Amino acid sequence: METTETDGQCILLFDDTNKVQYIVTRGSSNLENWIKDAEYIKTLDDKTGIYMHSGFLESAIEIYDNISSDLNTEYITYLTGHSLGGAITVILHLYLLKDGFTIKQSVTFGQPMITNYAGVCEYRSIPLLRVVNKKDLIPLLPPLTLVSSETGAYRHLGEETILLNSIYYCNLDETSAEEPDVSDYWANLLKGETSIADHYIDDYISTIQAKLTEATEVAYSERENYLE
């Protein structure tokens, strides 16, 4: 399925035998998508009751309006997406919950932030795992310095797995991943811990493949030793 207004793409897969459905959303692929990424203004969403990134919300609503009639409320649902698709995945997750669907798990890759701290507190318990590749800078956006007097700064929700070099990775639970220093764009930029190359889906795939046979977890405080 491809949307017309926001040029988003989403794939639906159905396992009728096991009553499972999968929603896969594409990441940013063109200038129009990146314009949506850059719309940092938050909008109060009536359906979820929280403030969300206006551009991501617009894209997610268009996709949801296109796929909702094809989904089965009796099926268990899994969602995934990369980059902008990851942000849309989280919003779709919240919309599906509101409409009575059973969400087993959402996994996003290189996902930017979509809401503020109040939104995080409201939906902290959802089954969301954010996978972040080494120095990927997109999960650090929008910058925490973009603070609205009414809605505050953007914050992440969900658990986080950081893919490091070779066989190494580290995990952060919801509370630890919410800490501002984890998502501080400027601090990470100054330390040299950001890279656009680490955001590409091909790099995510190769970093994950390196851990399929053997993987070793390290402490978040030691991650800098495994970035190069």
C-alpha atoms as a PDB file:
ATOM      1  CA  MET A   1       0.000   0.000   0.000  1.00  0.00           C
ATOM      2  CA  GLU A   2       1.315   3.456  -0.959  1.00  0.00           C
ATOM      3  CA  THR A   3      -0.210   6.704   0.304  1.00  0.00           C
ATOM      4  CA  THR A   4      -0.694   9.691  -1.991  1.00  0.00           C
ATOM      5  CA  GLU A   5      -0.363  12.715   0.308  1.00  0.00           C
ATOM      6  CA  THR A   6       2.726  11.750   2.333  1.00  0.00           C
ATOM      7  CA  ASP A   7       4.277   9.185  -0.039  1.00  0.00           C
ATOM      8  CA  GLY A   8       4.469   6.510   2.638  1.00  0.00           C
ATOM      9  CA  GLN A   9       4.588   2.791   2.000  1.00  0.00           C
ATOM     10  CA  CYS A  10       3.258  -0.012   4.174  1.00  0.00           C
ATOM     11  CA  ILE A  11       3.086  -3.779   3.684  1.00  0.00           C
ATOM     12  CA  LEU A  12       0.529  -6.037   5.364  1.00  0.00           C
ATOM     13  CA  LEU A  13       1.257  -9.740   5.810  1.00  0.00           C
ATOM     14  CA  PHE A  14      -1.276 -12.258   7.119  1.00  0.00           C
ATOM     15  CA  ASP A  15      -0.816 -15.698   8.653  1.00  0.00           C
ATOM     16  CA  ASP A  16      -4.409 -16.930   8.632  1.00  0.00           C
ATOM     17  CA  THR A  17      -3.488 -20.339  10.041  1.00  0.00           C
ATOM     18  CA  ASN A  18      -2.078 -18.846  13.241  1.00  0.00           C
ATOM     19  CA  LYS A  19      -4.248 -15.692  13.163  1.00  0.00           C
ATOM     20  CA  VAL A  20      -1.309 -13.311  13.079  1.00  0.00           C
ATOM     21  CA  GLN A  21      -0.876 -10.107  11.057  1.00  0.00           C
ATOM     22  CA  TYR A  22       2.260  -8.063  10.404  1.00  0.00           C
ATOM     23  CA  ILE A  23       2.520  -4.360   9.554  1.00  0.00           C
ATOM     24  CA  VAL A  24       5.791  -3.195   7.977  1.00  0.00           C
ATOM     25  CA  THR A  25       6.329   0.517   7.266  1.00  0.00           C
ATOM     26  CA  ARG A  26       9.048   1.929   5.018  1.00  0.00           C
ATOM     27  CA  GLY A  27      11.528   4.557   6.148  1.00  0.00           C
ATOM     28  CA  SER A  28      12.327   7.929   4.567  1.00  0.00           C
ATOM     29  CA  SER A  29      13.154   7.578   0.877  1.00  0.00           C
ATOM     30  CA  ASN A  30      12.739  10.995  -0.677  1.00  0.00           C
ATOM     31  CA  LEU A  31      12.646  14.737  -0.046  1.00  0.00           C
ATOM     32  CA  GLU A  32       8.945  14.755   0.837  1.00  0.00           C
ATOM     33  CA  ASN A  33       9.535  12.183   3.565  1.00  0.00           C
ATOM     34  CA  TRP A  34      12.443  14.221   4.979  1.00  0.00           C
ATOM     35  CA  ILE A  35      10.236  17.332   5.024  1.00  0.00           C
ATOM     36  CA  LYS A  36       7.850  15.382   7.231  1.00  0.00           C
ATOM     37  CA  ASP A  37      10.786  14.431   9.423  1.00  0.00           C
ATOM     38  CA  ALA A  38      11.709  18.094   9.798  1.00  0.00           C
ATOM     39  CA  GLU A  39       8.276  19.265  10.988  1.00  0.00           C
ATOM     40  CA  TYR A  40       9.150  19.425  14.668  1.00  0.00           C
ATOM     41  CA  ILE A  41       5.926  21.080  15.847  1.00  0.00           C
ATOM     42  CA  LYS A  42       3.803  18.882  18.123  1.00  0.00           C
ATOM     43  CA  THR A  43       0.078  18.332  17.634  1.00  0.00           C
ATOM     44  CA  LEU A  44      -2.367  17.192  20.315  1.00  0.00           C
ATOM     45  CA  ASP A  45      -3.824  13.967  18.954  1.00  0.00           C
ATOM     46  CA  ASP A  46      -7.445  13.422  19.968  1.00  0.00           C
ATOM     47  CA  LYS A  47      -7.343   9.642  19.551  1.00  0.00           C
ATOM     48  CA  THR A  48      -4.410   8.992  21.901  1.00  0.00           C
ATOM     49  CA  GLY A  49      -4.692  12.123  24.057  1.00  0.00           C
ATOM     50  CA  ILE A  50      -0.988  13.014  23.743  1.00  0.00           C
ATOM     51  CA  TYR A  51       1.137  15.494  21.815  1.00  0.00           C
ATOM     52  CA  MET A  52       2.984  14.009  18.857  1.00  0.00           C
ATOM     53  CA  HIS A  53       5.350  15.137  16.086  1.00  0.00           C
ATOM     54  CA  SER A  54       3.046  16.760  13.510  1.00  0.00           C
ATOM     55  CA  GLY A  55       4.732  15.365  10.395  1.00  0.00           C
ATOM     56  CA  PHE A  56       4.956  11.801  11.702  1.00  0.00           C
ATOM     57  CA  LEU A  57       1.356  11.965  12.923  1.00  0.00           C
ATOM     58  CA  GLU A  58       0.056  13.122   9.542  1.00  0.00           C
ATOM     59  CA  SER A  59       1.868  10.285   7.774  1.00  0.00           C
ATOM     60  CA  ALA A  60       0.654   7.697  10.294  1.00  0.00           C
ATOM     61  CA  ILE A  61      -2.980   8.813  10.075  1.00  0.00           C
ATOM     62  CA  GLU A  62      -2.958   8.538   6.290  1.00  0.00           C
ATOM     63  CA  ILE A  63      -1.513   5.034   6.453  1.00  0.00           C
ATOM     64  CA  TYR A  64      -3.904   3.981   9.225  1.00  0.00           C
ATOM     65  CA  ASP A  65      -6.910   5.225   7.266  1.00  0.00           C
ATOM     66  CA  ASN A  66      -5.735   3.121   4.313  1.00  0.00           C
ATOM     67  CA  ILE A  67      -5.020  -0.146   6.165  1.00  0.00           C
ATOM     68  CA  SER A  68      -7.446  -0.262   9.102  1.00  0.00           C
ATOM     69  CA  SER A  69     -10.296  -1.831   7.123  1.00  0.00           C
ATOM     70  CA  ASP A  70      -7.985  -4.675   6.017  1.00  0.00           C
ATOM     71  CA  LEU A  71      -6.866  -5.596   9.536  1.00  0.00           C
ATOM     72  CA  ASN A  72      -8.504  -8.234  11.721  1.00  0.00           C
ATOM     73  CA  THR A  73      -9.186  -7.392  15.375  1.00  0.00           C
ATOM     74  CA  GLU A  74      -9.119 -11.110  16.206  1.00  0.00           C
ATOM     75  CA  TYR A  75      -5.526 -11.513  14.986  1.00  0.00           C
ATOM     76  CA  ILE A  76      -2.392 -10.932  17.048  1.00  0.00           C
ATOM     77  CA  THR A  77      -0.488  -7.992  15.556  1.00  0.00           C
ATOM     78  CA  TYR A  78       3.239  -7.332  15.098  1.00  0.00           C
ATOM     79  CA  LEU A  79       4.604  -4.040  13.751  1.00  0.00           C
ATOM     80  CA  THR A  80       7.996  -2.907  12.504  1.00  0.00           C
ATOM     81  CA  GLY A  81       9.556  -0.025  10.602  1.00  0.00           C
ATOM     82  CA  HIS A  82      12.812   1.806   9.921  1.00  0.00           C
ATOM     83  CA  SER A  83      13.527   5.543  10.311  1.00  0.00           C
ATOM     84  CA  LEU A  84      10.350   7.530   9.533  1.00  0.00           C
ATOM     85  CA  GLY A  85       8.683   4.122   9.231  1.00  0.00           C
ATOM     86  CA  GLY A  86       9.687   3.421  12.832  1.00  0.00           C
ATOM     87  CA  ALA A  87       8.047   6.632  14.042  1.00  0.00           C
ATOM     88  CA  ILE A  88       4.889   5.745  12.095  1.00  0.00           C
ATOM     89  CA  THR A  89       5.019   2.223  13.551  1.00  0.00           C
ATOM     90  CA  VAL A  90       4.780   3.551  17.107  1.00  0.00           C
ATOM     91  CA  ILE A  91       1.820   5.780  16.240  1.00  0.00           C
ATOM     92  CA  LEU A  92       0.069   2.920  14.439  1.00  0.00           C
ATOM     93  CA  HIS A  93       0.690   0.791  17.548  1.00  0.00           C
ATOM     94  CA  LEU A  94      -1.099   3.363  19.724  1.00  0.00           C
ATOM     95  CA  TYR A  95      -3.990   3.701  17.289  1.00  0.00           C
ATOM     96  CA  LEU A  96      -4.449  -0.061  17.091  1.00  0.00           C
ATOM     97  CA  LEU A  97      -4.501  -0.299  20.881  1.00  0.00           C
ATOM     98  CA  LYS A  98      -7.222   2.329  21.007  1.00  0.00           C
ATOM     99  CA  ASP A  99      -9.247   0.348  18.468  1.00  0.00           C
ATOM    100  CA  GLY A 100      -9.073  -2.899  20.435  1.00  0.00           C
ATOM    101  CA  PHE A 101      -6.309  -4.786  18.632  1.00  0.00           C
ATOM    102  CA  THR A 102      -3.922  -7.115  20.483  1.00  0.00           C
ATOM    103  CA  ILE A 103      -0.339  -5.978  19.890  1.00  0.00           C
ATOM    104  CA  LYS A 104       2.247  -8.640  20.633  1.00  0.00           C
ATOM    105  CA  GLN A 105       5.342  -6.582  19.806  1.00  0.00           C
ATOM    106  CA  SER A 106       6.577  -3.571  17.870  1.00  0.00           C
ATOM    107  CA  VAL A 107      10.241  -3.336  16.845  1.00  0.00           C
ATOM    108  CA  THR A 108      11.622  -0.183  15.259  1.00  0.00           C
ATOM    109  CA  PHE A 109      15.041   0.519  13.715  1.00  0.00           C
ATOM    110  CA  GLY A 110      16.651   3.972  13.759  1.00  0.00           C
ATOM    111  CA  GLN A 111      13.430   5.561  14.977  1.00  0.00           C
ATOM    112  CA  PRO A 112      13.281   9.286  15.805  1.00  0.00           C
ATOM    113  CA  MET A 113      11.301  10.561  18.815  1.00  0.00           C
ATOM    114  CA  ILE A 114       7.561  11.122  18.389  1.00  0.00           C
ATOM    115  CA  THR A 115       6.225  12.552  21.651  1.00  0.00           C
ATOM    116  CA  ASN A 116       7.071  14.382  24.890  1.00  0.00           C
ATOM    117  CA  TYR A 117       7.576  13.124  28.441  1.00  0.00           C
ATOM    118  CA  ALA A 118       3.842  13.196  29.224  1.00  0.00           C
ATOM    119  CA  GLY A 119       3.228  10.965  26.206  1.00  0.00           C
ATOM    120  CA  VAL A 120       5.980   8.609  27.332  1.00  0.00           C
ATOM    121  CA  CYS A 121       4.424   8.339  30.800  1.00  0.00           C
ATOM    122  CA  GLU A 122       1.009   7.608  29.293  1.00  0.00           C
ATOM    123  CA  TYR A 123       2.195   4.725  27.084  1.00  0.00           C
ATOM    124  CA  ARG A 124       5.348   3.503  28.811  1.00  0.00           C
ATOM    125  CA  SER A 125       4.013  -0.044  29.197  1.00  0.00           C
ATOM    126  CA  ILE A 126       3.483  -0.809  25.495  1.00  0.00           C
ATOM    127  CA  PRO A 127       5.571  -3.704  24.065  1.00  0.00           C
ATOM    128  CA  LEU A 128       8.014  -1.572  22.065  1.00  0.00           C
ATOM    129  CA  LEU A 129      11.669  -2.298  21.355  1.00  0.00           C
ATOM    130  CA  ARG A 130      13.779   0.352  19.635  1.00  0.00           C
ATOM    131  CA  VAL A 131      16.895  -0.956  17.901  1.00  0.00           C
ATOM    132  CA  VAL A 132      19.595   1.690  17.443  1.00  0.00           C
ATOM    133  CA  ASN A 133      22.685   1.134  15.311  1.00  0.00           C
ATOM    134  CA  LYS A 134      26.006   2.282  16.832  1.00  0.00           C
ATOM    135  CA  LYS A 135      26.310   6.012  16.009  1.00  0.00           C
ATOM    136  CA  ASP A 136      22.982   6.454  14.199  1.00  0.00           C
ATOM    137  CA  LEU A 137      22.029  10.107  14.662  1.00  0.00           C
ATOM    138  CA  ILE A 138      18.351   9.874  13.646  1.00  0.00           C
ATOM    139  CA  PRO A 139      17.183   8.392  17.004  1.00  0.00           C
ATOM    140  CA  LEU A 140      18.617  11.562  18.623  1.00  0.00           C
ATOM    141  CA  LEU A 141      16.145  13.719  16.690  1.00  0.00           C
ATOM    142  CA  PRO A 142      14.311  16.010  17.167  1.00  0.00           C
ATOM    143  CA  PRO A 143      17.019  17.565  19.389  1.00  0.00           C
ATOM    144  CA  LEU A 144      16.145  17.892  23.079  1.00  0.00           C
ATOM    145  CA  THR A 145      16.930  21.598  22.757  1.00  0.00           C
ATOM    146  CA  LEU A 146      13.730  22.068  20.727  1.00  0.00           C
ATOM    147  CA  VAL A 147      11.662  22.736  23.835  1.00  0.00           C
ATOM    148  CA  SER A 148       8.132  24.111  23.681  1.00  0.00           C
ATOM    149  CA  SER A 149       6.930  26.105  26.682  1.00  0.00           C
ATOM    150  CA  GLU A 150       3.625  24.241  26.430  1.00  0.00           C
ATOM    151  CA  THR A 151       4.650  20.680  25.589  1.00  0.00           C
ATOM    152  CA  GLY A 152       8.310  20.389  26.648  1.00  0.00           C
ATOM    153  CA  ALA A 153      11.041  18.460  24.836  1.00  0.00           C
ATOM    154  CA  TYR A 154      10.791  15.304  22.769  1.00  0.00           C
ATOM    155  CA  ARG A 155      11.526  12.041  24.588  1.00  0.00           C
ATOM    156  CA  HIS A 156      11.759   8.362  23.660  1.00  0.00           C
ATOM    157  CA  LEU A 157       9.554   5.570  24.942  1.00  0.00           C
ATOM    158  CA  GLY A 158      10.180   1.834  24.934  1.00  0.00           C
ATOM    159  CA  GLU A 159      13.164  -0.386  25.609  1.00  0.00           C
ATOM    160  CA  GLU A 160      16.322   0.204  23.579  1.00  0.00           C
ATOM    161  CA  THR A 161      18.917  -2.170  22.139  1.00  0.00           C
ATOM    162  CA  ILE A 162      22.088  -0.513  20.858  1.00  0.00           C
ATOM    163  CA  LEU A 163      23.968  -2.464  18.182  1.00  0.00           C
ATOM    164  CA  LEU A 164      27.717  -2.070  18.646  1.00  0.00           C
ATOM    165  CA  ASN A 165      30.585  -3.360  16.516  1.00  0.00           C
ATOM    166  CA  SER A 166      31.227  -7.044  15.934  1.00  0.00           C
ATOM    167  CA  ILE A 167      29.319  -9.286  18.374  1.00  0.00           C
ATOM    168  CA  TYR A 168      28.595  -6.586  20.948  1.00  0.00           C
ATOM    169  CA  TYR A 169      25.393  -4.815  21.962  1.00  0.00           C
ATOM    170  CA  CYS A 170      23.837  -3.233  25.045  1.00  0.00           C
ATOM    171  CA  ASN A 171      20.284  -3.007  26.368  1.00  0.00           C
ATOM    172  CA  LEU A 172      18.413  -0.259  28.185  1.00  0.00           C
ATOM    173  CA  ASP A 173      15.077  -0.817  29.906  1.00  0.00           C
ATOM    174  CA  GLU A 174      12.263   1.732  29.483  1.00  0.00           C
ATOM    175  CA  THR A 175      13.305   3.917  32.407  1.00  0.00           C
ATOM    176  CA  SER A 176      16.982   4.035  31.474  1.00  0.00           C
ATOM    177  CA  ALA A 177      16.235   4.672  27.797  1.00  0.00           C
ATOM    178  CA  GLU A 178      14.053   7.647  28.753  1.00  0.00           C
ATOM    179  CA  GLU A 179      16.940   9.487  30.411  1.00  0.00           C
ATOM    180  CA  PRO A 180      17.690  12.738  28.525  1.00  0.00           C
ATOM    181  CA  ASP A 181      21.448  12.118  28.309  1.00  0.00           C
ATOM    182  CA  VAL A 182      20.821   8.946  26.266  1.00  0.00           C
ATOM    183  CA  SER A 183      19.056  10.973  23.550  1.00  0.00           C
ATOM    184  CA  ASP A 184      21.020  14.227  23.776  1.00  0.00           C
ATOM    185  CA  TYR A 185      21.849  15.016  20.141  1.00  0.00           C
ATOM    186  CA  TRP A 186      24.355  17.777  20.798  1.00  0.00           C
ATOM    187  CA  ALA A 187      26.228  15.928  23.538  1.00  0.00           C
ATOM    188  CA  ASN A 188      26.581  12.853  21.336  1.00  0.00           C
ATOM    189  CA  LEU A 189      27.580  15.025  18.382  1.00  0.00           C
ATOM    190  CA  LEU A 190      30.352  16.687  20.367  1.00  0.00           C
ATOM    191  CA  LYS A 191      31.639  13.295  21.502  1.00  0.00           C
ATOM    192  CA  GLY A 192      31.749  12.091  17.898  1.00  0.00           C
ATOM    193  CA  GLU A 193      29.081   9.461  18.521  1.00  0.00           C
ATOM    194  CA  THR A 194      26.867  10.311  15.556  1.00  0.00           C
ATOM    195  CA  SER A 195      26.897   9.191  11.925  1.00  0.00           C
ATOM    196  CA  ILE A 196      24.370   9.289   9.084  1.00  0.00           C
ATOM    197  CA  ALA A 197      26.021   6.218   7.523  1.00  0.00           C
ATOM    198  CA  ASP A 198      24.953   4.136  10.530  1.00  0.00           C
ATOM    199  CA  HIS A 199      21.329   5.008   9.781  1.00  0.00           C
ATOM    200  CA  TYR A 200      21.086   3.202   6.443  1.00  0.00           C
ATOM    201  CA  ILE A 201      19.106  -0.023   6.499  1.00  0.00           C
ATOM    202  CA  ASP A 202      21.961  -1.943   4.831  1.00  0.00           C
ATOM    203  CA  ASP A 203      24.223  -1.063   7.740  1.00  0.00           C
ATOM    204  CA  TYR A 204      21.560  -2.199  10.223  1.00  0.00           C
ATOM    205  CA  ILE A 205      21.345  -5.528   8.418  1.00  0.00           C
ATOM    206  CA  SER A 206      25.108  -6.093   8.392  1.00  0.00           C
ATOM    207  CA  THR A 207      25.442  -5.130  12.066  1.00  0.00           C
ATOM    208  CA  ILE A 208      22.681  -7.559  13.032  1.00  0.00           C
ATOM    209  CA  GLN A 209      24.095 -10.348  10.867  1.00  0.00           C
ATOM    210  CA  ALA A 210      27.396 -10.079  12.739  1.00  0.00           C
ATOM    211  CA  LYS A 211      25.536 -11.099  15.907  1.00  0.00           C
ATOM    212  CA  LEU A 212      23.438 -13.994  14.640  1.00  0.00           C
ATOM    213  CA  THR A 213      25.917 -16.710  15.566  1.00  0.00           C
ATOM    214  CA  GLU A 214      27.303 -15.124  18.718  1.00  0.00           C
ATOM    215  CA  ALA A 215      26.321 -11.974  20.624  1.00  0.00           C
ATOM    216  CA  THR A 216      27.718 -10.475  23.816  1.00  0.00           C
ATOM    217  CA  GLU A 217      25.980  -7.842  25.925  1.00  0.00           C
ATOM    218  CA  VAL A 218      28.067  -5.058  27.465  1.00  0.00           C
ATOM    219  CA  ALA A 219      27.148  -2.298  29.911  1.00  0.00           C
ATOM    220  CA  TYR A 220      25.870   0.981  28.453  1.00  0.00           C
ATOM    221  CA  SER A 221      28.653   2.794  30.311  1.00  0.00           C
ATOM    222  CA  GLU A 222      31.198   0.754  28.317  1.00  0.00           C
ATOM    223  CA  ARG A 223      29.630   1.237  24.873  1.00  0.00           C
ATOM    224  CA  GLU A 224      32.238   3.777  23.718  1.00  0.00           C
ATOM    225  CA  ASN A 225      34.789   0.953  23.656  1.00  0.00           C
ATOM    226  CA  TYR A 226      32.786  -0.854  20.950  1.00  0.00           C
ATOM    227  CA  LEU A 227      31.866   1.940  18.540  1.00  0.00           C
ATOM    228  CA  GLU A 228      34.869   1.815  16.195  1.00  0.00           C
END
